[in-house]
Amino acid sequence: MSLCVYNTAGQLVKVLADGRTKPGSYTSVWNGTDAKGRRLANGVYFYALGNGTKRINRKVILTE
């Protein structure tokens, strides 16, 4: 299972989760920072949730 955040240019911004998980419900929180901990600009980003065979992409709007 992987959960990644991308900018509008399609560049990977941050990996929130990556690895094997047991079946169940999970929660992940993105604090608006990149992989180096720097605060990102407000705007549109995309997250991708994948399990190796399926991938779901959704839009998210980052605001202060």
PDB file of N, CA and C in Angstrom:
ATOM      1  N   MET A   1       0.839  -1.155   0.000  1.00  0.00           N
ATOM      2  CA  MET A   1       0.000   0.000   0.000  1.00  0.00           C
ATOM      3  C   MET A   1       0.894   1.230   0.000  1.00  0.00           C
ATOM      4  N   SER A   2       0.550   2.193  -0.843  1.00  0.00           N
ATOM      5  CA  SER A   2       1.304   3.447  -0.847  1.00  0.00           C
ATOM      6  C   SER A   2       0.332   4.618  -0.900  1.00  0.00           C
ATOM      7  N   LEU A   3       0.723   5.691  -0.239  1.00  0.00           N
ATOM      8  CA  LEU A   3      -0.047   6.928  -0.249  1.00  0.00           C
ATOM      9  C   LEU A   3       0.952   8.053  -0.476  1.00  0.00           C
ATOM     10  N   CYS A   4       0.827   8.715  -1.636  1.00  0.00           N
ATOM     11  CA  CYS A   4       1.795   9.740  -2.038  1.00  0.00           C
ATOM     12  C   CYS A   4       1.074  11.019  -2.424  1.00  0.00           C
ATOM     13  N   VAL A   5       1.761  12.148  -2.230  1.00  0.00           N
ATOM     14  CA  VAL A   5       1.240  13.463  -2.589  1.00  0.00           C
ATOM     15  C   VAL A   5       2.082  14.004  -3.749  1.00  0.00           C
ATOM     16  N   TYR A   6       1.396  14.576  -4.759  1.00  0.00           N
ATOM     17  CA  TYR A   6       2.053  15.123  -5.944  1.00  0.00           C
ATOM     18  C   TYR A   6       1.614  16.564  -6.154  1.00  0.00           C
ATOM     19  N   ASN A   7       2.475  17.357  -6.798  1.00  0.00           N
ATOM     20  CA  ASN A   7       2.075  18.710  -7.164  1.00  0.00           C
ATOM     21  C   ASN A   7       1.387  18.680  -8.529  1.00  0.00           C
ATOM     22  N   THR A   8       0.965  19.830  -9.019  1.00  0.00           N
ATOM     23  CA  THR A   8       0.217  19.875 -10.283  1.00  0.00           C
ATOM     24  C   THR A   8       1.091  19.539 -11.487  1.00  0.00           C
ATOM     25  N   ALA A   9       2.402  19.570 -11.326  1.00  0.00           N
ATOM     26  CA  ALA A   9       3.318  19.179 -12.400  1.00  0.00           C
ATOM     27  C   ALA A   9       3.552  17.666 -12.407  1.00  0.00           C
ATOM     28  N   GLY A  10       2.943  16.959 -11.454  1.00  0.00           N
ATOM     29  CA  GLY A  10       3.094  15.515 -11.372  1.00  0.00           C
ATOM     30  C   GLY A  10       4.330  15.063 -10.619  1.00  0.00           C
ATOM     31  N   GLN A  11       5.015  15.999  -9.973  1.00  0.00           N
ATOM     32  CA  GLN A  11       6.215  15.667  -9.211  1.00  0.00           C
ATOM     33  C   GLN A  11       5.838  15.163  -7.825  1.00  0.00           C
ATOM     34  N   LEU A  12       6.516  14.116  -7.393  1.00  0.00           N
ATOM     35  CA  LEU A  12       6.283  13.575  -6.062  1.00  0.00           C
ATOM     36  C   LEU A  12       6.707  14.597  -5.021  1.00  0.00           C
ATOM     37  N   VAL A  13       5.797  14.915  -4.105  1.00  0.00           N
ATOM     38  CA  VAL A  13       6.060  15.884  -3.051  1.00  0.00           C
ATOM     39  C   VAL A  13       6.401  15.177  -1.740  1.00  0.00           C
ATOM     40  N   LYS A  14       5.616  14.159  -1.401  1.00  0.00           N
ATOM     41  CA  LYS A  14       5.831  13.464  -0.131  1.00  0.00           C
ATOM     42  C   LYS A  14       5.201  12.079  -0.170  1.00  0.00           C
ATOM     43  N   VAL A  15       5.877  11.124   0.430  1.00  0.00           N
ATOM     44  CA  VAL A  15       5.331   9.783   0.618  1.00  0.00           C
ATOM     45  C   VAL A  15       4.803   9.713   2.039  1.00  0.00           C
ATOM     46  N   LEU A  16       3.511   9.486   2.167  1.00  0.00           N
ATOM     47  CA  LEU A  16       2.888   9.414   3.492  1.00  0.00           C
ATOM     48  C   LEU A  16       2.883   7.995   4.036  1.00  0.00           C
ATOM     49  N   ALA A  17       2.833   7.017   3.147  1.00  0.00           N
ATOM     50  CA  ALA A  17       2.841   5.619   3.574  1.00  0.00           C
ATOM     51  C   ALA A  17       3.346   4.765   2.425  1.00  0.00           C
ATOM     52  N   ASP A  18       4.114   3.753   2.763  1.00  0.00           N
ATOM     53  CA  ASP A  18       4.609   2.833   1.747  1.00  0.00           C
ATOM     54  C   ASP A  18       5.014   1.534   2.428  1.00  0.00           C
ATOM     55  N   GLY A  19       4.312   0.479   2.123  1.00  0.00           N
ATOM     56  CA  GLY A  19       4.640  -0.807   2.720  1.00  0.00           C
ATOM     57  C   GLY A  19       3.423  -1.690   2.867  1.00  0.00           C
ATOM     58  N   ARG A  20       3.643  -2.826   3.419  1.00  0.00           N
ATOM     59  CA  ARG A  20       2.558  -3.795   3.611  1.00  0.00           C
ATOM     60  C   ARG A  20       1.707  -3.399   4.812  1.00  0.00           C
ATOM     61  N   THR A  21       0.422  -3.620   4.670  1.00  0.00           N
ATOM     62  CA  THR A  21      -0.503  -3.362   5.768  1.00  0.00           C
ATOM     63  C   THR A  21      -1.480  -4.513   5.878  1.00  0.00           C
ATOM     64  N   LYS A  22      -2.006  -4.687   7.051  1.00  0.00           N
ATOM     65  CA  LYS A  22      -3.053  -5.683   7.256  1.00  0.00           C
ATOM     66  C   LYS A  22      -4.375  -5.065   6.839  1.00  0.00           C
ATOM     67  N   PRO A  23      -5.354  -5.874   6.460  1.00  0.00           N
ATOM     68  CA  PRO A  23      -6.670  -5.328   6.116  1.00  0.00           C
ATOM     69  C   PRO A  23      -7.247  -4.528   7.281  1.00  0.00           C
ATOM     70  N   GLY A  24      -7.936  -3.454   6.940  1.00  0.00           N
ATOM     71  CA  GLY A  24      -8.543  -2.631   7.970  1.00  0.00           C
ATOM     72  C   GLY A  24      -8.627  -1.185   7.549  1.00  0.00           C
ATOM     73  N   SER A  25      -9.036  -0.350   8.467  1.00  0.00           N
ATOM     74  CA  SER A  25      -9.154   1.090   8.224  1.00  0.00           C
ATOM     75  C   SER A  25      -7.931   1.795   8.777  1.00  0.00           C
ATOM     76  N   TYR A  26      -7.454   2.779   8.024  1.00  0.00           N
ATOM     77  CA  TYR A  26      -6.276   3.538   8.434  1.00  0.00           C
ATOM     78  C   TYR A  26      -6.528   5.024   8.217  1.00  0.00           C
ATOM     79  N   THR A  27      -5.812   5.839   8.960  1.00  0.00           N
ATOM     80  CA  THR A  27      -5.885   7.286   8.822  1.00  0.00           C
ATOM     81  C   THR A  27      -4.476   7.816   8.614  1.00  0.00           C
ATOM     82  N   SER A  28      -4.361   8.770   7.704  1.00  0.00           N
ATOM     83  CA  SER A  28      -3.083   9.423   7.473  1.00  0.00           C
ATOM     84  C   SER A  28      -3.317  10.924   7.410  1.00  0.00           C
ATOM     85  N   VAL A  29      -2.417  11.694   7.998  1.00  0.00           N
ATOM     86  CA  VAL A  29      -2.545  13.145   8.015  1.00  0.00           C
ATOM     87  C   VAL A  29      -1.337  13.737   7.308  1.00  0.00           C
ATOM     88  N   TRP A  30      -1.594  14.636   6.365  1.00  0.00           N
ATOM     89  CA  TRP A  30      -0.532  15.368   5.685  1.00  0.00           C
ATOM     90  C   TRP A  30      -0.533  16.775   6.242  1.00  0.00           C
ATOM     91  N   ASN A  31       0.595  17.233   6.735  1.00  0.00           N
ATOM     92  CA  ASN A  31       0.688  18.544   7.362  1.00  0.00           C
ATOM     93  C   ASN A  31       1.099  19.650   6.392  1.00  0.00           C
ATOM     94  N   GLY A  32       1.081  19.386   5.098  1.00  0.00           N
ATOM     95  CA  GLY A  32       1.385  20.412   4.103  1.00  0.00           C
ATOM     96  C   GLY A  32       2.862  20.642   3.875  1.00  0.00           C
ATOM     97  N   THR A  33       3.692  19.673   4.260  1.00  0.00           N
ATOM     98  CA  THR A  33       5.126  19.808   4.055  1.00  0.00           C
ATOM     99  C   THR A  33       5.614  18.819   3.001  1.00  0.00           C
ATOM    100  N   ASP A  34       6.798  19.101   2.463  1.00  0.00           N
ATOM    101  CA  ASP A  34       7.392  18.180   1.497  1.00  0.00           C
ATOM    102  C   ASP A  34       8.238  17.145   2.227  1.00  0.00           C
ATOM    103  N   ALA A  35       8.961  16.339   1.480  1.00  0.00           N
ATOM    104  CA  ALA A  35       9.757  15.261   2.063  1.00  0.00           C
ATOM    105  C   ALA A  35      10.873  15.769   2.965  1.00  0.00           C
ATOM    106  N   LYS A  36      11.296  17.038   2.783  1.00  0.00           N
ATOM    107  CA  LYS A  36      12.352  17.616   3.615  1.00  0.00           C
ATOM    108  C   LYS A  36      11.794  18.441   4.771  1.00  0.00           C
ATOM    109  N   GLY A  37      10.467  18.425   4.942  1.00  0.00           N
ATOM    110  CA  GLY A  37       9.840  19.127   6.051  1.00  0.00           C
ATOM    111  C   GLY A  37       9.546  20.593   5.782  1.00  0.00           C
ATOM    112  N   ARG A  38       9.740  21.042   4.550  1.00  0.00           N
ATOM    113  CA  ARG A  38       9.482  22.442   4.214  1.00  0.00           C
ATOM    114  C   ARG A  38       7.995  22.641   3.925  1.00  0.00           C
ATOM    115  N   ARG A  39       7.456  23.741   4.438  1.00  0.00           N
ATOM    116  CA  ARG A  39       6.045  24.074   4.204  1.00  0.00           C
ATOM    117  C   ARG A  39       5.843  24.396   2.727  1.00  0.00           C
ATOM    118  N   LEU A  40       4.817  23.811   2.135  1.00  0.00           N
ATOM    119  CA  LEU A  40       4.515  24.037   0.725  1.00  0.00           C
ATOM    120  C   LEU A  40       3.535  25.188   0.545  1.00  0.00           C
ATOM    121  N   ALA A  41       3.533  25.745  -0.638  1.00  0.00           N
ATOM    122  CA  ALA A  41       2.632  26.850  -0.966  1.00  0.00           C
ATOM    123  C   ALA A  41       1.193  26.365  -0.988  1.00  0.00           C
ATOM    124  N   ASN A  42       0.282  27.245  -0.634  1.00  0.00           N
ATOM    125  CA  ASN A  42      -1.135  26.924  -0.752  1.00  0.00           C
ATOM    126  C   ASN A  42      -1.459  26.648  -2.207  1.00  0.00           C
ATOM    127  N   GLY A  43      -2.390  25.752  -2.443  1.00  0.00           N
ATOM    128  CA  GLY A  43      -2.785  25.453  -3.808  1.00  0.00           C
ATOM    129  C   GLY A  43      -3.304  24.041  -3.950  1.00  0.00           C
ATOM    130  N   VAL A  44      -3.346  23.589  -5.187  1.00  0.00           N
ATOM    131  CA  VAL A  44      -3.888  22.275  -5.523  1.00  0.00           C
ATOM    132  C   VAL A  44      -2.767  21.244  -5.550  1.00  0.00           C
ATOM    133  N   TYR A  45      -3.031  20.115  -4.924  1.00  0.00           N
ATOM    134  CA  TYR A  45      -2.128  18.965  -4.934  1.00  0.00           C
ATOM    135  C   TYR A  45      -2.982  17.731  -5.204  1.00  0.00           C
ATOM    136  N   PHE A  46      -2.346  16.629  -5.455  1.00  0.00           N
ATOM    137  CA  PHE A  46      -3.049  15.377  -5.703  1.00  0.00           C
ATOM    138  C   PHE A  46      -2.455  14.295  -4.831  1.00  0.00           C
ATOM    139  N   TYR A  47      -3.312  13.400  -4.365  1.00  0.00           N
ATOM    140  CA  TYR A  47      -2.781  12.244  -3.653  1.00  0.00           C
ATOM    141  C   TYR A  47      -3.166  10.991  -4.414  1.00  0.00           C
ATOM    142  N   ALA A  48      -2.309   9.991  -4.308  1.00  0.00           N
ATOM    143  CA  ALA A  48      -2.523   8.709  -4.969  1.00  0.00           C
ATOM    144  C   ALA A  48      -2.424   7.616  -3.921  1.00  0.00           C
ATOM    145  N   LEU A  49      -3.447   6.791  -3.863  1.00  0.00           N
ATOM    146  CA  LEU A  49      -3.492   5.650  -2.956  1.00  0.00           C
ATOM    147  C   LEU A  49      -3.476   4.402  -3.817  1.00  0.00           C
ATOM    148  N   GLY A  50      -2.462   3.579  -3.641  1.00  0.00           N
ATOM    149  CA  GLY A  50      -2.344   2.390  -4.472  1.00  0.00           C
ATOM    150  C   GLY A  50      -2.024   1.153  -3.665  1.00  0.00           C
ATOM    151  N   ASN A  51      -2.426   0.002  -4.219  1.00  0.00           N
ATOM    152  CA  ASN A  51      -2.147  -1.267  -3.547  1.00  0.00           C
ATOM    153  C   ASN A  51      -1.367  -2.231  -4.434  1.00  0.00           C
ATOM    154  N   GLY A  52      -0.795  -1.740  -5.508  1.00  0.00           N
ATOM    155  CA  GLY A  52      -0.033  -2.598  -6.410  1.00  0.00           C
ATOM    156  C   GLY A  52      -0.804  -2.961  -7.661  1.00  0.00           C
ATOM    157  N   THR A  53      -2.126  -3.118  -7.536  1.00  0.00           N
ATOM    158  CA  THR A  53      -2.947  -3.438  -8.704  1.00  0.00           C
ATOM    159  C   THR A  53      -3.938  -2.330  -9.037  1.00  0.00           C
ATOM    160  N   LYS A  54      -4.357  -1.594  -8.035  1.00  0.00           N
ATOM    161  CA  LYS A  54      -5.300  -0.484  -8.240  1.00  0.00           C
ATOM    162  C   LYS A  54      -4.703   0.798  -7.687  1.00  0.00           C
ATOM    163  N   ARG A  55      -5.115   1.919  -8.294  1.00  0.00           N
ATOM    164  CA  ARG A  55      -4.641   3.227  -7.828  1.00  0.00           C
ATOM    165  C   ARG A  55      -5.795   4.217  -7.890  1.00  0.00           C
ATOM    166  N   ILE A  56      -5.970   4.959  -6.807  1.00  0.00           N
ATOM    167  CA  ILE A  56      -7.001   5.982  -6.724  1.00  0.00           C
ATOM    168  C   ILE A  56      -6.301   7.343  -6.624  1.00  0.00           C
ATOM    169  N   ASN A  57      -6.673   8.282  -7.478  1.00  0.00           N
ATOM    170  CA  ASN A  57      -6.106   9.625  -7.456  1.00  0.00           C
ATOM    171  C   ASN A  57      -7.215  10.618  -7.106  1.00  0.00           C
ATOM    172  N   ARG A  58      -6.901  11.536  -6.216  1.00  0.00           N
ATOM    173  CA  ARG A  58      -7.868  12.560  -5.819  1.00  0.00           C
ATOM    174  C   ARG A  58      -7.143  13.905  -5.655  1.00  0.00           C
ATOM    175  N   LYS A  59      -7.917  14.970  -5.806  1.00  0.00           N
ATOM    176  CA  LYS A  59      -7.395  16.319  -5.655  1.00  0.00           C
ATOM    177  C   LYS A  59      -7.591  16.767  -4.208  1.00  0.00           C
ATOM    178  N   VAL A  60      -6.631  17.560  -3.723  1.00  0.00           N
ATOM    179  CA  VAL A  60      -6.719  18.142  -2.396  1.00  0.00           C
ATOM    180  C   VAL A  60      -6.245  19.590  -2.510  1.00  0.00           C
ATOM    181  N   ILE A  61      -6.876  20.483  -1.769  1.00  0.00           N
ATOM    182  CA  ILE A  61      -6.499  21.893  -1.786  1.00  0.00           C
ATOM    183  C   ILE A  61      -5.857  22.230  -0.448  1.00  0.00           C
ATOM    184  N   LEU A  62      -4.619  22.694  -0.502  1.00  0.00           N
ATOM    185  CA  LEU A  62      -3.878  23.057   0.697  1.00  0.00           C
ATOM    186  C   LEU A  62      -4.097  24.538   0.980  1.00  0.00           C
ATOM    187  N   THR A  63      -4.557  24.833   2.179  1.00  0.00           N
ATOM    188  CA  THR A  63      -4.740  26.206   2.634  1.00  0.00           C
ATOM    189  C   THR A  63      -4.118  26.344   4.002  1.00  0.00           C
ATOM    190  N   GLU A  64      -3.860  27.560   4.416  1.00  0.00           N
ATOM    191  CA  GLU A  64      -3.275  27.785   5.739  1.00  0.00           C
ATOM    192  C   GLU A  64      -4.223  27.393   6.834  1.00  0.00           C
TER     193      GLU A  64
END
